[in-house]
Amino acid sequence: MTDASQNEQTAQPEQTQQAQPAEPAPAPTPPTLEELLQKAEAAVQEHRDAFLRAKAETENVRKRAQSDVAAAHKYAVENFATELVAVKDSLEAALATENATAENFKSGVELTLKQLKSAFEKFNVAEENPVNQKFDPHRHQAISMIESDAEPNTVVAVLQKGYKLNDRVIRPALVTVAKAKTVA
C-alpha cells in the first residue's frame, strides 16, 4: 500500500466519526413546586427586610429633621441675643455710676444706642421712618388723618418708628396721614 491509500483509509474513519450525531445532553429537570415556593418565600423575606430597613431609616431621618428644626427655632436668636447682652451691660454700668452727671449719662446713652444700632445692622434690622412717603398699609399703621397741604395719603408725621427684619415688617410705623383740605 502506498502512503496515499493509507491516508485515505485513516481519513475515512474520522469522517464517519464526525458524521455520527452526538448524544443529546440530558434535559435539566424542572424545579419542583416546593423549590419554587422556597425561592419565592426567600425573595419575599429579603424584600420585607429591605422595606423594614428603609422604613426605619426614613423614620430616623424624619425624627432627626424634627429635632434640627426644633433646635433652630430654639436657638435662632442666639447671636442676636449675644449682641444685646453688651447693650444691657452698658445700661447697667451707666446706672451703677455714683457721681454721674447729665452729660455723662448722655454720652453713655449715645454709646449704648450706637451699640444697639450696630447690632441691628449686623442682623438686618432696619428702621422705618416714612415721613413724606406714600402711605403703605403693609408697612405703616395710620393712627389719624389730618388736613394738610401735602398730597393726600402721604405720611406727614411718625408717632412711632417701624422696624423691618430682612425686608419683613416686624413692627409697622405708627403714622399720621394727610387728607385733602375740605373747601368751606
N, C-alpha and C. Protein backbone atom coordinates (compact mmCIF):
# COMPACT_ATOMS: atom_id res chain seq x y z
N MET A 1 0.83 -1.17 0.00
CA MET A 1 0.00 0.00 0.00
C MET A 1 0.86 1.22 0.00
N THR A 2 0.28 2.15 -0.61
CA THR A 2 1.03 3.39 -0.72
C THR A 2 0.63 4.32 0.40
N ASP A 3 1.41 5.32 0.54
CA ASP A 3 1.15 6.30 1.61
C ASP A 3 -0.18 7.01 1.36
N ALA A 4 -0.52 7.24 0.13
CA ALA A 4 -1.75 7.96 -0.19
C ALA A 4 -2.94 7.10 0.17
N SER A 5 -2.89 5.80 -0.10
CA SER A 5 -4.02 4.96 0.24
C SER A 5 -4.17 4.80 1.74
N GLN A 6 -3.08 4.80 2.46
CA GLN A 6 -3.16 4.71 3.92
C GLN A 6 -3.81 5.98 4.47
N ASN A 7 -3.47 7.08 3.94
CA ASN A 7 -4.05 8.36 4.39
C ASN A 7 -5.55 8.38 4.12
N GLU A 8 -5.97 7.78 3.01
CA GLU A 8 -7.39 7.76 2.70
C GLU A 8 -8.13 6.87 3.68
N GLN A 9 -7.55 5.75 4.03
CA GLN A 9 -8.20 4.83 4.96
C GLN A 9 -8.28 5.46 6.35
N THR A 10 -7.27 6.11 6.77
CA THR A 10 -7.29 6.71 8.10
C THR A 10 -8.20 7.93 8.10
N ALA A 11 -8.36 8.57 6.99
CA ALA A 11 -9.21 9.76 6.93
C ALA A 11 -10.67 9.37 6.95
N GLN A 12 -11.00 8.21 6.39
CA GLN A 12 -12.39 7.82 6.33
C GLN A 12 -12.98 7.53 7.71
N PRO A 13 -12.30 6.82 8.59
CA PRO A 13 -12.93 6.61 9.89
C PRO A 13 -13.18 7.93 10.61
N GLU A 14 -12.34 8.91 10.39
CA GLU A 14 -12.57 10.21 11.06
C GLU A 14 -13.86 10.81 10.53
N GLN A 15 -14.09 10.67 9.23
CA GLN A 15 -15.30 11.24 8.66
C GLN A 15 -16.52 10.53 9.20
N THR A 16 -16.44 9.24 9.36
CA THR A 16 -17.58 8.52 9.88
C THR A 16 -17.83 8.87 11.34
N GLN A 17 -16.78 9.14 12.06
CA GLN A 17 -16.98 9.53 13.47
C GLN A 17 -17.63 10.91 13.53
N GLN A 18 -17.25 11.80 12.64
CA GLN A 18 -17.82 13.15 12.68
C GLN A 18 -19.25 13.13 12.19
N ALA A 19 -19.60 12.25 11.34
CA ALA A 19 -20.93 12.21 10.77
C ALA A 19 -21.95 11.68 11.77
N GLN A 20 -21.50 10.94 12.76
CA GLN A 20 -22.44 10.39 13.72
C GLN A 20 -22.93 11.52 14.63
N PRO A 21 -24.22 11.61 14.84
CA PRO A 21 -24.75 12.68 15.70
C PRO A 21 -24.35 12.43 17.15
N ALA A 22 -24.06 13.55 17.87
CA ALA A 22 -23.68 13.44 19.28
C ALA A 22 -24.93 13.18 20.08
N GLU A 23 -24.75 12.50 21.19
CA GLU A 23 -25.90 12.20 22.05
C GLU A 23 -26.41 13.49 22.68
N PRO A 24 -27.70 13.70 22.68
CA PRO A 24 -28.22 14.94 23.29
C PRO A 24 -27.98 14.91 24.80
N ALA A 25 -27.69 16.14 25.34
CA ALA A 25 -27.47 16.24 26.79
C ALA A 25 -28.79 15.99 27.49
N PRO A 26 -28.70 15.36 28.63
CA PRO A 26 -29.97 15.08 29.32
C PRO A 26 -30.66 16.40 29.68
N ALA A 27 -31.94 16.50 29.48
CA ALA A 27 -32.72 17.71 29.75
C ALA A 27 -32.71 18.00 31.25
N PRO A 28 -32.48 19.28 31.64
CA PRO A 28 -32.49 19.58 33.07
C PRO A 28 -33.90 19.37 33.62
N THR A 29 -33.93 18.87 34.80
CA THR A 29 -35.24 18.61 35.40
C THR A 29 -35.80 19.94 35.91
N PRO A 30 -37.03 20.23 35.60
CA PRO A 30 -37.62 21.49 36.06
C PRO A 30 -37.71 21.49 37.59
N PRO A 31 -37.55 22.70 38.21
CA PRO A 31 -37.64 22.74 39.67
C PRO A 31 -39.04 22.35 40.12
N THR A 32 -39.08 21.74 41.25
CA THR A 32 -40.37 21.31 41.79
C THR A 32 -41.11 22.52 42.34
N LEU A 33 -42.37 22.35 42.58
CA LEU A 33 -43.17 23.44 43.14
C LEU A 33 -42.66 23.86 44.52
N GLU A 34 -42.19 22.89 45.27
CA GLU A 34 -41.67 23.19 46.61
C GLU A 34 -40.42 24.06 46.51
N GLU A 35 -39.54 23.75 45.55
CA GLU A 35 -38.33 24.55 45.37
C GLU A 35 -38.70 25.97 44.94
N LEU A 36 -39.64 26.09 44.00
CA LEU A 36 -40.09 27.41 43.55
C LEU A 36 -40.70 28.21 44.70
N LEU A 37 -41.48 27.54 45.54
CA LEU A 37 -42.11 28.19 46.68
C LEU A 37 -41.04 28.67 47.67
N GLN A 38 -40.03 27.85 47.92
CA GLN A 38 -38.95 28.24 48.83
C GLN A 38 -38.19 29.45 48.29
N LYS A 39 -37.92 29.46 46.97
CA LYS A 39 -37.24 30.61 46.37
C LYS A 39 -38.10 31.86 46.50
N ALA A 40 -39.37 31.75 46.23
CA ALA A 40 -40.27 32.90 46.32
C ALA A 40 -40.37 33.41 47.75
N GLU A 41 -40.45 32.48 48.71
CA GLU A 41 -40.52 32.90 50.12
C GLU A 41 -39.24 33.60 50.54
N ALA A 42 -38.09 33.12 50.07
CA ALA A 42 -36.81 33.75 50.40
C ALA A 42 -36.76 35.16 49.79
N ALA A 43 -37.24 35.31 48.56
CA ALA A 43 -37.26 36.62 47.93
C ALA A 43 -38.20 37.57 48.68
N VAL A 44 -39.36 37.07 49.09
CA VAL A 44 -40.31 37.88 49.85
C VAL A 44 -39.68 38.34 51.16
N GLN A 45 -39.02 37.43 51.85
CA GLN A 45 -38.37 37.78 53.12
C GLN A 45 -37.28 38.83 52.91
N GLU A 46 -36.52 38.67 51.84
CA GLU A 46 -35.45 39.63 51.54
C GLU A 46 -36.04 41.02 51.26
N HIS A 47 -37.12 41.07 50.48
CA HIS A 47 -37.77 42.35 50.17
C HIS A 47 -38.41 42.95 51.42
N ARG A 48 -38.97 42.11 52.26
CA ARG A 48 -39.58 42.58 53.51
C ARG A 48 -38.53 43.20 54.42
N ASP A 49 -37.38 42.54 54.54
CA ASP A 49 -36.30 43.08 55.36
C ASP A 49 -35.80 44.42 54.81
N ALA A 50 -35.65 44.50 53.50
CA ALA A 50 -35.20 45.75 52.88
C ALA A 50 -36.23 46.86 53.11
N PHE A 51 -37.50 46.53 53.01
CA PHE A 51 -38.56 47.51 53.24
C PHE A 51 -38.53 48.00 54.68
N LEU A 52 -38.40 47.07 55.62
CA LEU A 52 -38.36 47.47 57.04
C LEU A 52 -37.15 48.34 57.34
N ARG A 53 -36.00 48.02 56.75
CA ARG A 53 -34.80 48.86 56.96
C ARG A 53 -35.02 50.26 56.38
N ALA A 54 -35.60 50.32 55.18
CA ALA A 54 -35.86 51.62 54.54
C ALA A 54 -36.87 52.42 55.36
N LYS A 55 -37.88 51.75 55.87
CA LYS A 55 -38.89 52.44 56.68
C LYS A 55 -38.26 52.98 57.96
N ALA A 56 -37.42 52.20 58.61
CA ALA A 56 -36.75 52.64 59.84
C ALA A 56 -35.82 53.82 59.55
N GLU A 57 -35.12 53.75 58.44
CA GLU A 57 -34.21 54.85 58.07
C GLU A 57 -35.00 56.13 57.80
N THR A 58 -36.12 56.00 57.12
CA THR A 58 -36.98 57.16 56.86
C THR A 58 -37.48 57.77 58.16
N GLU A 59 -37.89 56.94 59.08
CA GLU A 59 -38.37 57.41 60.38
C GLU A 59 -37.24 58.12 61.14
N ASN A 60 -36.03 57.58 61.08
CA ASN A 60 -34.89 58.21 61.74
C ASN A 60 -34.58 59.57 61.12
N VAL A 61 -34.64 59.66 59.80
CA VAL A 61 -34.39 60.94 59.12
C VAL A 61 -35.45 61.95 59.51
N ARG A 62 -36.70 61.52 59.57
CA ARG A 62 -37.80 62.42 59.96
C ARG A 62 -37.59 62.94 61.38
N LYS A 63 -37.25 62.05 62.31
CA LYS A 63 -37.02 62.46 63.71
C LYS A 63 -35.83 63.41 63.81
N ARG A 64 -34.77 63.11 63.05
CA ARG A 64 -33.59 63.99 63.06
C ARG A 64 -33.95 65.37 62.53
N ALA A 65 -34.73 65.42 61.47
CA ALA A 65 -35.14 66.70 60.89
C ALA A 65 -36.01 67.49 61.87
N GLN A 66 -36.90 66.80 62.58
CA GLN A 66 -37.74 67.47 63.57
C GLN A 66 -36.89 68.06 64.68
N SER A 67 -35.91 67.31 65.16
CA SER A 67 -35.07 67.83 66.25
C SER A 67 -34.20 68.98 65.75
N ASP A 68 -33.74 68.93 64.49
CA ASP A 68 -32.96 70.03 63.92
C ASP A 68 -33.81 71.29 63.81
N VAL A 69 -35.05 71.14 63.39
CA VAL A 69 -35.94 72.30 63.28
C VAL A 69 -36.24 72.88 64.66
N ALA A 70 -36.48 72.00 65.63
CA ALA A 70 -36.75 72.47 66.99
C ALA A 70 -35.54 73.22 67.55
N ALA A 71 -34.35 72.71 67.31
CA ALA A 71 -33.14 73.39 67.78
C ALA A 71 -32.95 74.72 67.06
N ALA A 72 -33.25 74.76 65.77
CA ALA A 72 -33.12 76.00 65.02
C ALA A 72 -34.08 77.07 65.56
N HIS A 73 -35.31 76.67 65.88
CA HIS A 73 -36.27 77.62 66.46
C HIS A 73 -35.80 78.07 67.85
N LYS A 74 -35.32 77.14 68.62
CA LYS A 74 -34.92 77.43 70.00
C LYS A 74 -33.73 78.38 70.05
N TYR A 75 -32.76 78.19 69.16
CA TYR A 75 -31.53 78.98 69.23
C TYR A 75 -31.38 79.96 68.07
N ALA A 76 -32.46 80.28 67.38
CA ALA A 76 -32.40 81.15 66.21
C ALA A 76 -31.88 82.54 66.55
N VAL A 77 -32.20 83.04 67.70
CA VAL A 77 -31.80 84.40 68.06
C VAL A 77 -30.57 84.44 68.96
N GLU A 78 -29.86 83.34 69.03
CA GLU A 78 -28.71 83.26 69.93
C GLU A 78 -27.67 84.35 69.63
N ASN A 79 -27.29 84.52 68.38
CA ASN A 79 -26.28 85.52 68.03
C ASN A 79 -26.80 86.94 68.30
N PHE A 80 -28.06 87.18 67.99
CA PHE A 80 -28.64 88.50 68.25
C PHE A 80 -28.69 88.77 69.75
N ALA A 81 -29.08 87.77 70.52
CA ALA A 81 -29.14 87.92 71.97
C ALA A 81 -27.75 88.22 72.54
N THR A 82 -26.74 87.59 71.99
CA THR A 82 -25.36 87.84 72.44
C THR A 82 -25.00 89.31 72.23
N GLU A 83 -25.40 89.88 71.11
CA GLU A 83 -25.13 91.30 70.84
C GLU A 83 -25.90 92.19 71.82
N LEU A 84 -27.13 91.81 72.15
CA LEU A 84 -27.93 92.62 73.07
C LEU A 84 -27.43 92.57 74.50
N VAL A 85 -26.74 91.51 74.86
CA VAL A 85 -26.16 91.41 76.21
C VAL A 85 -25.17 92.55 76.44
N ALA A 86 -24.39 92.89 75.43
CA ALA A 86 -23.44 94.01 75.55
C ALA A 86 -24.18 95.33 75.77
N VAL A 87 -25.31 95.51 75.12
CA VAL A 87 -26.12 96.72 75.30
C VAL A 87 -26.64 96.78 76.73
N LYS A 88 -27.12 95.67 77.23
CA LYS A 88 -27.63 95.61 78.61
C LYS A 88 -26.51 95.92 79.60
N ASP A 89 -25.33 95.36 79.36
CA ASP A 89 -24.18 95.63 80.24
C ASP A 89 -23.88 97.13 80.29
N SER A 90 -23.93 97.79 79.15
CA SER A 90 -23.67 99.23 79.09
C SER A 90 -24.72 100.02 79.88
N LEU A 91 -25.97 99.63 79.76
CA LEU A 91 -27.03 100.32 80.50
C LEU A 91 -26.86 100.12 82.01
N GLU A 92 -26.53 98.89 82.42
CA GLU A 92 -26.32 98.63 83.84
C GLU A 92 -25.12 99.41 84.38
N ALA A 93 -24.05 99.51 83.59
CA ALA A 93 -22.88 100.27 84.01
C ALA A 93 -23.23 101.74 84.18
N ALA A 94 -24.07 102.28 83.30
CA ALA A 94 -24.48 103.68 83.41
C ALA A 94 -25.28 103.91 84.70
N LEU A 95 -26.14 102.96 85.05
CA LEU A 95 -26.93 103.10 86.27
C LEU A 95 -26.10 102.89 87.53
N ALA A 96 -25.01 102.20 87.44
CA ALA A 96 -24.19 101.89 88.61
C ALA A 96 -23.26 103.02 89.01
N THR A 97 -23.07 103.98 88.13
CA THR A 97 -22.15 105.07 88.46
C THR A 97 -22.76 105.94 89.56
N GLU A 98 -21.92 106.28 90.55
CA GLU A 98 -22.38 107.03 91.72
C GLU A 98 -22.50 108.53 91.43
N ASN A 99 -21.46 109.10 90.90
CA ASN A 99 -21.41 110.55 90.70
C ASN A 99 -21.60 110.89 89.23
N ALA A 100 -22.70 110.46 88.68
CA ALA A 100 -22.96 110.69 87.25
C ALA A 100 -23.59 112.05 87.05
N THR A 101 -23.14 112.71 86.04
CA THR A 101 -23.74 114.00 85.66
C THR A 101 -24.64 113.75 84.45
N ALA A 102 -25.43 114.74 84.14
CA ALA A 102 -26.32 114.62 82.99
C ALA A 102 -25.51 114.43 81.71
N GLU A 103 -24.36 115.11 81.65
CA GLU A 103 -23.50 114.98 80.47
C GLU A 103 -22.95 113.56 80.34
N ASN A 104 -22.54 112.96 81.48
CA ASN A 104 -22.04 111.57 81.47
C ASN A 104 -23.12 110.60 81.03
N PHE A 105 -24.33 110.80 81.57
CA PHE A 105 -25.44 109.94 81.18
C PHE A 105 -25.71 110.06 79.69
N LYS A 106 -25.71 111.27 79.19
CA LYS A 106 -25.99 111.48 77.77
C LYS A 106 -24.96 110.78 76.90
N SER A 107 -23.68 110.94 77.21
CA SER A 107 -22.66 110.29 76.40
C SER A 107 -22.74 108.77 76.53
N GLY A 108 -23.06 108.26 77.71
CA GLY A 108 -23.22 106.82 77.91
C GLY A 108 -24.40 106.26 77.12
N VAL A 109 -25.50 107.00 77.12
CA VAL A 109 -26.69 106.57 76.37
C VAL A 109 -26.39 106.61 74.87
N GLU A 110 -25.65 107.61 74.41
CA GLU A 110 -25.29 107.69 73.00
C GLU A 110 -24.43 106.51 72.59
N LEU A 111 -23.47 106.14 73.45
CA LEU A 111 -22.63 104.97 73.14
C LEU A 111 -23.46 103.68 73.13
N THR A 112 -24.39 103.58 74.07
CA THR A 112 -25.24 102.39 74.13
C THR A 112 -26.14 102.32 72.90
N LEU A 113 -26.69 103.45 72.48
CA LEU A 113 -27.51 103.49 71.26
C LEU A 113 -26.67 103.09 70.05
N LYS A 114 -25.43 103.51 70.01
CA LYS A 114 -24.53 103.13 68.92
C LYS A 114 -24.32 101.62 68.90
N GLN A 115 -24.16 101.00 70.07
CA GLN A 115 -24.02 99.54 70.16
C GLN A 115 -25.28 98.86 69.63
N LEU A 116 -26.44 99.38 70.03
CA LEU A 116 -27.71 98.79 69.61
C LEU A 116 -27.89 98.92 68.09
N LYS A 117 -27.57 100.07 67.54
CA LYS A 117 -27.67 100.25 66.08
C LYS A 117 -26.73 99.29 65.36
N SER A 118 -25.54 99.09 65.92
CA SER A 118 -24.58 98.16 65.31
C SER A 118 -25.14 96.74 65.30
N ALA A 119 -25.77 96.35 66.40
CA ALA A 119 -26.37 95.01 66.47
C ALA A 119 -27.51 94.90 65.46
N PHE A 120 -28.32 95.94 65.33
CA PHE A 120 -29.41 95.93 64.36
C PHE A 120 -28.87 95.79 62.94
N GLU A 121 -27.84 96.54 62.61
CA GLU A 121 -27.25 96.47 61.27
C GLU A 121 -26.69 95.08 60.99
N LYS A 122 -26.03 94.52 62.00
CA LYS A 122 -25.42 93.20 61.83
C LYS A 122 -26.46 92.13 61.50
N PHE A 123 -27.66 92.27 62.06
CA PHE A 123 -28.70 91.26 61.86
C PHE A 123 -29.84 91.75 60.98
N ASN A 124 -29.58 92.78 60.15
CA ASN A 124 -30.52 93.28 59.15
C ASN A 124 -31.85 93.74 59.72
N VAL A 125 -31.81 94.39 60.88
CA VAL A 125 -33.00 95.03 61.43
C VAL A 125 -32.91 96.49 61.01
N ALA A 126 -33.88 96.93 60.20
CA ALA A 126 -33.85 98.28 59.65
C ALA A 126 -34.97 99.12 60.23
N GLU A 127 -34.66 100.37 60.45
CA GLU A 127 -35.62 101.34 60.97
C GLU A 127 -36.49 101.84 59.83
N GLU A 128 -37.77 102.05 60.09
CA GLU A 128 -38.71 102.54 59.09
C GLU A 128 -39.24 103.89 59.58
N ASN A 129 -38.79 104.98 58.96
CA ASN A 129 -39.22 106.33 59.31
C ASN A 129 -39.78 106.97 58.03
N PRO A 130 -41.08 106.77 57.75
CA PRO A 130 -41.64 107.09 56.42
C PRO A 130 -42.17 108.51 56.22
N VAL A 131 -41.61 109.52 56.86
CA VAL A 131 -42.10 110.89 56.68
C VAL A 131 -42.01 111.27 55.21
N ASN A 132 -43.09 111.88 54.71
CA ASN A 132 -43.22 112.35 53.32
C ASN A 132 -43.27 111.22 52.29
N GLN A 133 -43.49 110.01 52.72
CA GLN A 133 -43.65 108.89 51.79
C GLN A 133 -45.14 108.59 51.63
N LYS A 134 -45.49 107.90 50.55
CA LYS A 134 -46.87 107.45 50.36
C LYS A 134 -47.22 106.45 51.46
N PHE A 135 -48.44 106.53 51.97
CA PHE A 135 -48.90 105.59 52.99
C PHE A 135 -48.99 104.19 52.40
N ASP A 136 -48.40 103.23 53.07
CA ASP A 136 -48.42 101.83 52.64
C ASP A 136 -48.98 101.00 53.80
N PRO A 137 -50.20 100.47 53.66
CA PRO A 137 -50.80 99.73 54.77
C PRO A 137 -50.04 98.45 55.15
N HIS A 138 -49.13 98.01 54.28
CA HIS A 138 -48.33 96.82 54.60
C HIS A 138 -47.15 97.17 55.51
N ARG A 139 -46.77 98.45 55.52
CA ARG A 139 -45.61 98.87 56.31
C ARG A 139 -45.95 99.90 57.38
N HIS A 140 -47.11 100.53 57.25
CA HIS A 140 -47.49 101.61 58.16
C HIS A 140 -48.85 101.33 58.78
N GLN A 141 -49.06 101.91 59.95
CA GLN A 141 -50.37 101.83 60.59
C GLN A 141 -50.83 103.27 60.83
N ALA A 142 -51.92 103.66 60.16
CA ALA A 142 -52.43 105.03 60.28
C ALA A 142 -53.17 105.17 61.60
N ILE A 143 -52.78 106.18 62.36
CA ILE A 143 -53.43 106.47 63.64
C ILE A 143 -54.50 107.54 63.44
N SER A 144 -54.18 108.50 62.58
CA SER A 144 -55.15 109.56 62.31
C SER A 144 -54.88 110.16 60.93
N MET A 145 -55.86 110.96 60.48
CA MET A 145 -55.70 111.70 59.23
C MET A 145 -55.92 113.17 59.55
N ILE A 146 -55.08 114.00 58.98
CA ILE A 146 -55.23 115.43 59.20
C ILE A 146 -55.21 116.14 57.85
N GLU A 147 -55.88 117.29 57.82
CA GLU A 147 -55.86 118.10 56.61
C GLU A 147 -54.47 118.70 56.49
N SER A 148 -53.94 118.65 55.29
CA SER A 148 -52.58 119.14 55.10
C SER A 148 -52.40 119.62 53.67
N ASP A 149 -51.37 120.44 53.48
CA ASP A 149 -51.02 120.88 52.14
C ASP A 149 -50.33 119.77 51.36
N ALA A 150 -49.88 118.74 52.07
CA ALA A 150 -49.21 117.60 51.43
C ALA A 150 -50.21 116.82 50.59
N GLU A 151 -49.68 116.06 49.67
CA GLU A 151 -50.52 115.24 48.81
C GLU A 151 -51.31 114.24 49.68
N PRO A 152 -52.60 114.02 49.35
CA PRO A 152 -53.39 113.06 50.14
C PRO A 152 -52.72 111.68 50.18
N ASN A 153 -52.91 110.98 51.29
CA ASN A 153 -52.34 109.66 51.56
C ASN A 153 -50.82 109.68 51.67
N THR A 154 -50.29 110.80 52.10
CA THR A 154 -48.86 110.92 52.36
C THR A 154 -48.66 110.97 53.87
N VAL A 155 -47.61 110.34 54.35
CA VAL A 155 -47.30 110.34 55.78
C VAL A 155 -46.76 111.73 56.13
N VAL A 156 -47.44 112.41 57.09
CA VAL A 156 -46.99 113.74 57.50
C VAL A 156 -46.28 113.72 58.84
N ALA A 157 -46.54 112.72 59.66
CA ALA A 157 -45.87 112.62 60.96
C ALA A 157 -45.74 111.15 61.36
N VAL A 158 -44.62 110.85 62.02
CA VAL A 158 -44.39 109.49 62.52
C VAL A 158 -44.45 109.54 64.04
N LEU A 159 -45.42 108.82 64.60
CA LEU A 159 -45.57 108.79 66.05
C LEU A 159 -44.65 107.74 66.68
N GLN A 160 -44.41 106.67 65.95
CA GLN A 160 -43.51 105.60 66.42
C GLN A 160 -42.89 104.95 65.19
N LYS A 161 -41.57 104.87 65.18
CA LYS A 161 -40.88 104.27 64.04
C LYS A 161 -41.24 102.80 63.91
N GLY A 162 -41.20 102.33 62.68
CA GLY A 162 -41.42 100.91 62.42
C GLY A 162 -40.07 100.22 62.21
N TYR A 163 -40.09 98.89 62.21
CA TYR A 163 -38.86 98.12 62.01
C TYR A 163 -39.12 96.95 61.08
N LYS A 164 -38.09 96.66 60.27
CA LYS A 164 -38.15 95.52 59.35
C LYS A 164 -36.97 94.60 59.65
N LEU A 165 -37.20 93.33 59.50
CA LEU A 165 -36.16 92.31 59.61
C LEU A 165 -36.06 91.64 58.26
N ASN A 166 -34.92 91.87 57.57
CA ASN A 166 -34.73 91.30 56.23
C ASN A 166 -35.93 91.59 55.32
N ASP A 167 -36.36 92.82 55.27
CA ASP A 167 -37.48 93.28 54.43
C ASP A 167 -38.85 92.75 54.87
N ARG A 168 -38.94 92.17 56.05
CA ARG A 168 -40.23 91.76 56.60
C ARG A 168 -40.55 92.70 57.76
N VAL A 169 -41.74 93.27 57.74
CA VAL A 169 -42.14 94.21 58.78
C VAL A 169 -42.33 93.45 60.09
N ILE A 170 -41.57 93.87 61.12
CA ILE A 170 -41.77 93.25 62.43
C ILE A 170 -42.55 94.18 63.36
N ARG A 171 -42.58 95.48 63.01
CA ARG A 171 -43.45 96.44 63.69
C ARG A 171 -43.74 97.56 62.71
N PRO A 172 -45.02 97.78 62.39
CA PRO A 172 -45.34 98.86 61.46
C PRO A 172 -45.13 100.23 62.12
N ALA A 173 -44.81 101.21 61.31
CA ALA A 173 -44.67 102.57 61.82
C ALA A 173 -46.06 103.14 62.10
N LEU A 174 -46.21 103.78 63.25
CA LEU A 174 -47.48 104.45 63.58
C LEU A 174 -47.40 105.86 63.01
N VAL A 175 -48.33 106.19 62.11
CA VAL A 175 -48.21 107.43 61.36
C VAL A 175 -49.51 108.23 61.33
N THR A 176 -49.34 109.51 61.00
CA THR A 176 -50.46 110.38 60.72
C THR A 176 -50.41 110.64 59.21
N VAL A 177 -51.57 110.54 58.57
CA VAL A 177 -51.64 110.61 57.12
C VAL A 177 -52.38 111.88 56.71
N ALA A 178 -51.93 112.48 55.61
CA ALA A 178 -52.56 113.70 55.09
C ALA A 178 -53.82 113.36 54.34
N LYS A 179 -54.81 114.25 54.50
CA LYS A 179 -56.01 114.14 53.67
C LYS A 179 -56.24 115.50 53.01
N ALA A 180 -56.98 115.51 51.96
CA ALA A 180 -57.21 116.75 51.22
C ALA A 180 -58.01 117.73 52.08
N LYS A 181 -57.68 119.00 51.95
CA LYS A 181 -58.41 120.02 52.69
C LYS A 181 -59.82 120.14 52.12
N THR A 182 -60.76 120.32 53.02
CA THR A 182 -62.14 120.48 52.58
C THR A 182 -62.38 121.94 52.25
N VAL A 183 -63.14 122.18 51.22
CA VAL A 183 -63.46 123.54 50.81
C VAL A 183 -64.69 123.99 51.60
N ALA A 184 -64.56 125.11 52.29
CA ALA A 184 -65.67 125.58 53.11
C ALA A 184 -66.42 126.69 52.48
